[in-house]
Amino acid sequence: MMNFIKPLLFLAAITILSCNNSSMELTKSEMQKILEERNTLLGNCFKEGNAEKLSQMYSPEAKLCPNGYHFVHERDSIKAFWEDDFKTSKVISMSTSTETIDGNHDIIYETGITTSEILYNDSIYHVTVKFINVWKKQPNGEFLLDVDFWNSL
């Protein structure tokens, strides 16, 4: 009878591990829901012109790579970048369309298109960019931008 216990325990352990592992994965629809919420918050920060609030959407070790600009590393430098940008421009509207989503329970990869209306020097510009974002899950469970990269279309 003892010969059945080891295989039974082994089978139970595999079942438990596979159940725990699959419950940790996010489905595409769960990732999409997270991204919709995050992108709405990002858009609101841009429209408010609030660099402090916007910088809190980035992980502490985030990397920002704006079109035609060098990499900006870490949250404080990213905040300074947006403070400088908001001195001369105001986002009037912003619409983000996610094209692809991939990832797991710790990282979400997103590509897409963002269209904005921006007031700059008393003129309104219509700007469309393609982007790649990497959202990293933080210890508190919140997903923050870890890589923010875009280019003009």
Protein backbone atom coordinates (compact mmCIF):
# COMPACT_ATOMS: atom_id res chain seq x y z
CA MET A 1 0.00 0.00 0.00
CA MET A 2 2.94 2.38 0.64
CA ASN A 3 3.91 2.07 -3.05
CA PHE A 4 0.81 4.08 -4.00
CA ILE A 5 1.46 6.96 -1.63
CA LYS A 6 4.54 8.40 -3.39
CA PRO A 7 2.96 8.50 -6.86
CA LEU A 8 -0.23 9.91 -5.36
CA LEU A 9 1.68 12.66 -3.53
CA PHE A 10 3.65 13.42 -6.72
CA LEU A 11 0.42 13.70 -8.74
CA ALA A 12 -1.15 15.92 -6.07
CA ALA A 13 1.90 18.21 -6.06
CA ILE A 14 1.83 18.56 -9.87
CA THR A 15 -1.88 19.35 -9.80
CA ILE A 16 -1.46 21.99 -7.08
CA LEU A 17 1.51 23.62 -8.84
CA SER A 18 -0.26 23.74 -12.19
CA CYS A 19 -3.38 25.24 -10.62
CA ASN A 20 -1.34 27.89 -8.82
CA ASN A 21 0.67 28.70 -11.94
CA SER A 22 -2.36 29.12 -14.20
CA SER A 23 -4.18 31.28 -11.65
CA MET A 24 -1.22 33.68 -11.68
CA GLU A 25 -1.42 34.29 -15.42
CA LEU A 26 -3.51 37.14 -16.76
CA THR A 27 -5.85 36.57 -19.66
CA LYS A 28 -5.76 38.93 -22.65
CA SER A 29 -9.06 40.44 -21.51
CA GLU A 30 -7.68 41.04 -18.00
CA MET A 31 -4.59 42.70 -19.50
CA GLN A 32 -6.80 44.80 -21.77
CA LYS A 33 -8.89 45.95 -18.80
CA ILE A 34 -5.74 46.95 -16.89
CA LEU A 35 -4.40 48.85 -19.92
CA GLU A 36 -7.69 50.66 -20.53
CA GLU A 37 -7.66 51.88 -16.93
CA ARG A 38 -3.97 52.83 -17.01
CA ASN A 39 -4.25 54.62 -20.37
CA THR A 40 -7.28 56.57 -19.18
CA LEU A 41 -5.31 57.72 -16.14
CA LEU A 42 -2.34 58.64 -18.36
CA GLY A 43 -4.59 60.68 -20.65
CA ASN A 44 -6.05 62.52 -17.68
CA CYS A 45 -2.57 63.34 -16.34
CA PHE A 46 -1.56 64.73 -19.72
CA LYS A 47 -4.73 66.84 -20.04
CA GLU A 48 -4.22 68.18 -16.50
CA GLY A 49 -0.58 68.99 -17.31
CA ASN A 50 0.33 67.49 -13.94
CA ALA A 51 3.94 66.25 -14.17
CA GLU A 52 3.97 65.03 -10.56
CA LYS A 53 0.87 62.90 -11.00
CA LEU A 54 2.10 61.71 -14.42
CA SER A 55 5.50 60.70 -13.02
CA GLN A 56 3.73 58.44 -10.51
CA MET A 57 2.45 56.40 -13.48
CA TYR A 58 6.08 55.32 -14.07
CA SER A 59 8.05 52.74 -12.09
CA PRO A 60 10.94 54.17 -10.05
CA GLU A 61 13.46 52.70 -12.54
CA ALA A 62 11.45 53.53 -15.71
CA LYS A 63 12.93 54.39 -19.09
CA LEU A 64 11.34 57.01 -21.34
CA CYS A 65 12.37 57.36 -24.99
CA PRO A 66 10.49 60.18 -26.73
CA ASN A 67 10.58 60.64 -30.49
CA GLY A 68 13.89 62.20 -31.54
CA TYR A 69 15.18 62.46 -27.98
CA HIS A 70 17.66 60.53 -25.86
CA PHE A 71 16.60 58.08 -23.14
CA VAL A 72 15.36 59.57 -19.88
CA HIS A 73 16.03 57.29 -16.92
CA GLU A 74 14.17 57.02 -13.63
CA ARG A 75 11.06 58.68 -12.28
CA ASP A 76 12.58 61.99 -11.11
CA SER A 77 14.19 62.66 -14.50
CA ILE A 78 10.96 61.69 -16.26
CA LYS A 79 9.06 64.12 -14.04
CA ALA A 80 11.53 66.89 -14.99
CA PHE A 81 11.10 66.02 -18.68
CA TRP A 82 7.31 66.38 -18.46
CA GLU A 83 7.51 69.55 -16.33
CA ASP A 84 9.63 71.12 -19.05
CA ASP A 85 7.27 69.91 -21.79
CA PHE A 86 4.18 71.22 -19.98
CA LYS A 87 5.71 74.73 -19.77
CA THR A 88 5.22 75.23 -23.52
CA SER A 89 2.40 72.90 -24.49
CA LYS A 90 -1.01 71.78 -23.31
CA VAL A 91 -2.70 68.53 -24.25
CA ILE A 92 -6.30 69.29 -25.19
CA SER A 93 -7.34 65.75 -26.04
CA MET A 94 -5.72 62.34 -26.22
CA SER A 95 -6.95 59.03 -27.58
CA THR A 96 -5.02 55.77 -27.25
CA SER A 97 -5.72 52.71 -29.35
CA THR A 98 -3.98 49.52 -28.23
CA GLU A 99 -2.96 47.35 -31.19
CA THR A 100 -1.32 44.37 -29.43
CA ILE A 101 -1.17 43.04 -25.89
CA ASP A 102 1.04 40.30 -24.51
CA GLY A 103 2.61 39.41 -21.20
CA ASN A 104 2.07 37.50 -18.00
CA HIS A 105 1.18 38.25 -14.39
CA ASP A 106 4.25 40.52 -13.89
CA ILE A 107 4.71 42.32 -17.24
CA ILE A 108 2.31 43.59 -19.90
CA TYR A 109 3.65 44.52 -23.34
CA GLU A 110 1.54 46.97 -25.32
CA THR A 111 1.83 48.48 -28.79
CA GLY A 112 -0.52 51.02 -30.25
CA ILE A 113 -1.33 54.43 -31.65
CA THR A 114 -1.99 57.63 -29.71
CA THR A 115 -3.60 60.67 -31.29
CA SER A 116 -3.51 64.02 -29.49
CA GLU A 117 -4.53 67.62 -29.96
CA ILE A 118 -1.85 69.84 -28.48
CA LEU A 119 -1.86 73.59 -27.96
CA TYR A 120 1.64 74.94 -28.62
CA ASN A 121 2.52 78.60 -29.17
CA ASP A 122 -1.14 79.59 -29.73
CA SER A 123 -1.60 76.92 -32.44
CA ILE A 124 -3.30 73.55 -32.22
CA TYR A 125 -1.38 70.58 -33.58
CA HIS A 126 -2.76 67.13 -34.32
CA VAL A 127 -0.10 64.59 -33.37
CA THR A 128 -0.20 60.85 -33.99
CA VAL A 129 2.47 58.52 -32.62
CA LYS A 130 3.07 54.79 -32.52
CA PHE A 131 4.23 53.46 -29.18
CA ILE A 132 5.60 50.49 -27.30
CA ASN A 133 4.89 50.39 -23.57
CA VAL A 134 6.04 47.88 -21.01
CA TRP A 135 3.96 47.87 -17.84
CA LYS A 136 5.59 46.25 -14.81
CA LYS A 137 3.67 44.98 -11.81
CA GLN A 138 4.81 46.62 -8.60
CA PRO A 139 4.93 45.00 -5.13
CA ASN A 140 1.56 46.61 -4.30
CA GLY A 141 -0.01 44.92 -7.38
CA GLU A 142 -0.27 48.10 -9.46
CA PHE A 143 1.06 48.12 -13.04
CA LEU A 144 3.32 51.08 -13.81
CA LEU A 145 5.11 52.11 -16.99
CA ASP A 146 8.60 50.66 -17.00
CA VAL A 147 9.40 51.43 -20.66
CA ASP A 148 7.68 54.23 -22.59
CA PHE A 149 8.88 54.50 -26.20
CA TRP A 150 7.26 56.35 -29.10
CA ASN A 151 7.86 57.65 -32.63
CA SER A 152 5.88 59.93 -34.92
CA LEU A 153 3.85 58.36 -37.66
